[in-house]
Each structure stands twice: as structure tokens, then as C-alpha cells.
């Protein structure tokens, strides 16, 4: 069960990157296309850097549980919020629900904590 939940967690991390791109592009529907594309590319890139540095299991920056929780909340919460703002509220609701359920299960299994390394 843990392996399946960790696999789902990884897929949710990838889904959050897609959601950031889609939400970033759609959040400003009447803006210049060039800027919308730049936002759609920049948001996932920034999320990858932040996640890799502060939230990934083999992250280089350790010792701050606040950063670990904060980056995950920022990336996943931002992805869900941007999807909703961009006009995809049902996708946002579904993604957020699966993210919350997966987090709860991993927490109950002892696999969701700043101290866990894989």
C-alpha cells in the first residue's frame, strides 16, 4: 500500500505542474498570449526549483519543517487555486481532494514528514 501511495504522490506532483501551467495560462484570459505562455512556463519551473530544493525526499536544504510544509502548501495550493481561477473548478476540486486524501494516508503510514527520506 505504501508503494502505491508514494507512486500516487509522485503523479500528483506531476499533475500539480500541469495544473500550474494550465492555471497560469488561463488565469489572465484576455492578456497578451506571449505573457500568458511565459507565465504558463515560469510557474511550473519555479515550482520544480522550490520543490527540489525544499520539499523533495532527497532535498539539499534540510532542517526546516516550516519550509518543507510551506513549499508543499504553496505548490499544491497554488495549483488547485489557479485551476479554479482559470475556469476549471471541478478539476481543481478533484485534484485537491485526491491530494488531501493521499497526504492523509501517507501521514497515517508515517511516510509524510520532513524527516522521511527515500
Protein backbone atom coordinates (compact mmCIF):
# COMPACT_ATOMS: atom_id res chain seq x y z
CA UNK A 1 0.00 0.00 0.00
CA UNK A 2 2.81 2.42 0.79
CA UNK A 3 4.36 1.94 -2.64
CA UNK A 4 1.07 2.67 -4.37
CA UNK A 5 0.52 5.79 -2.25
CA UNK A 6 4.06 7.05 -2.92
CA UNK A 7 3.55 6.45 -6.64
CA UNK A 8 0.29 8.38 -6.48
CA UNK A 9 2.11 11.15 -4.61
CA UNK A 10 4.65 11.42 -7.43
CA UNK A 11 1.87 11.50 -10.04
CA UNK A 12 0.13 14.24 -8.04
CA UNK A 13 3.37 16.22 -8.01
CA UNK A 14 3.48 15.96 -11.81
CA UNK A 15 -0.22 16.86 -12.02
CA UNK A 16 0.43 19.97 -9.94
CA UNK A 17 2.99 21.11 -12.53
CA UNK A 18 0.43 20.66 -15.31
CA UNK A 19 -2.19 22.46 -13.22
CA UNK A 20 0.19 25.38 -12.62
CA UNK A 21 0.80 25.68 -16.36
CA UNK A 22 -2.89 25.41 -17.30
CA UNK A 23 -3.95 27.71 -14.49
CA UNK A 24 -1.18 30.20 -15.19
CA UNK A 25 -2.18 30.42 -18.83
CA UNK A 26 -5.90 30.63 -18.14
CA UNK A 27 -5.87 32.97 -15.16
CA UNK A 28 -5.50 36.00 -17.43
CA UNK A 29 -7.82 35.10 -20.31
CA UNK A 30 -7.67 38.41 -22.15
CA UNK A 31 -4.00 39.11 -21.61
CA UNK A 32 -1.31 39.02 -24.28
CA UNK A 33 -0.68 35.45 -25.41
CA UNK A 34 3.09 35.85 -25.10
CA UNK A 35 2.79 36.79 -21.43
CA UNK A 36 0.29 34.02 -20.77
CA UNK A 37 2.70 31.49 -22.27
CA UNK A 38 5.57 32.89 -20.22
CA UNK A 39 3.52 32.58 -17.02
CA UNK A 40 2.49 29.04 -18.01
CA UNK A 41 6.17 28.11 -18.38
CA UNK A 42 7.53 30.07 -15.42
CA UNK A 43 5.16 28.80 -12.73
CA UNK A 44 5.97 25.08 -13.14
CA UNK A 45 9.68 25.88 -13.49
CA UNK A 46 9.63 27.84 -10.22
CA UNK A 47 7.67 25.04 -8.55
CA UNK A 48 10.26 22.46 -9.66
CA UNK A 49 13.11 24.54 -8.23
CA UNK A 50 11.33 25.15 -4.92
CA UNK A 51 10.14 21.55 -4.58
CA UNK A 52 13.53 20.09 -5.44
CA UNK A 53 15.33 22.36 -3.02
CA UNK A 54 12.97 22.31 -0.05
CA UNK A 55 10.35 19.53 -0.33
CA UNK A 56 11.79 16.56 -2.24
CA UNK A 57 12.83 13.50 -0.23
CA UNK A 58 16.50 13.99 -1.22
CA UNK A 59 16.43 17.77 -0.96
CA UNK A 60 19.68 19.64 -0.29
CA UNK A 61 18.14 22.04 2.26
CA UNK A 62 17.13 20.27 5.45
CA UNK A 63 16.30 21.27 8.96
CA UNK A 64 13.32 23.50 8.33
CA UNK A 65 9.95 21.83 8.69
CA UNK A 66 8.32 25.21 8.01
CA UNK A 67 9.94 25.39 4.57
CA UNK A 68 9.06 21.76 3.85
CA UNK A 69 5.38 22.23 4.70
CA UNK A 70 5.26 25.73 3.23
CA UNK A 71 6.59 24.79 -0.21
CA UNK A 72 4.20 21.87 -0.48
CA UNK A 73 1.27 24.07 0.51
CA UNK A 74 2.38 26.80 -1.89
CA UNK A 75 2.83 24.49 -4.89
CA UNK A 76 -0.20 22.25 -4.36
CA UNK A 77 -2.46 25.01 -3.06
CA UNK A 78 -1.36 27.29 -5.88
CA UNK A 79 -2.05 24.60 -8.47
CA UNK A 80 -5.56 23.99 -7.15
CA UNK A 81 -6.32 27.72 -6.80
CA UNK A 82 -5.06 28.58 -10.28
CA UNK A 83 -7.08 25.77 -11.83
CA UNK A 84 -10.20 27.16 -10.18
CA UNK A 85 -9.40 30.75 -11.17
CA UNK A 86 -8.73 29.66 -14.76
CA UNK A 87 -12.25 28.28 -15.04
CA UNK A 88 -11.73 24.63 -14.10
CA UNK A 89 -13.32 24.43 -10.64
CA UNK A 90 -14.28 20.75 -10.87
CA UNK A 91 -10.77 19.73 -11.89
CA UNK A 92 -9.44 21.87 -9.02
CA UNK A 93 -11.83 20.27 -6.55
CA UNK A 94 -10.97 16.76 -7.73
CA UNK A 95 -7.23 17.36 -7.70
CA UNK A 96 -7.38 18.96 -4.26
CA UNK A 97 -9.46 16.11 -2.85
CA UNK A 98 -7.07 13.45 -4.14
CA UNK A 99 -4.09 15.45 -2.86
CA UNK A 100 -5.66 15.76 0.60
CA UNK A 101 -6.60 12.07 0.75
CA UNK A 102 -3.15 10.95 -0.37
CA UNK A 103 -1.50 13.22 2.17
CA UNK A 104 -3.73 11.87 4.97
CA UNK A 105 -2.97 8.26 4.05
CA UNK A 106 0.78 8.87 3.81
CA UNK A 107 0.70 10.72 7.12
CA UNK A 108 -1.10 7.79 8.78
CA UNK A 109 1.54 5.42 7.36
CA UNK A 110 4.37 7.60 8.69
CA UNK A 111 5.54 8.47 5.18
CA UNK A 112 4.71 12.19 5.14
CA UNK A 113 7.06 14.12 7.35
CA UNK A 114 10.10 16.38 6.90
CA UNK A 115 12.23 13.60 8.40
CA UNK A 116 11.33 10.97 5.78
CA UNK A 117 13.93 10.20 3.13
CA UNK A 118 13.56 7.82 0.20
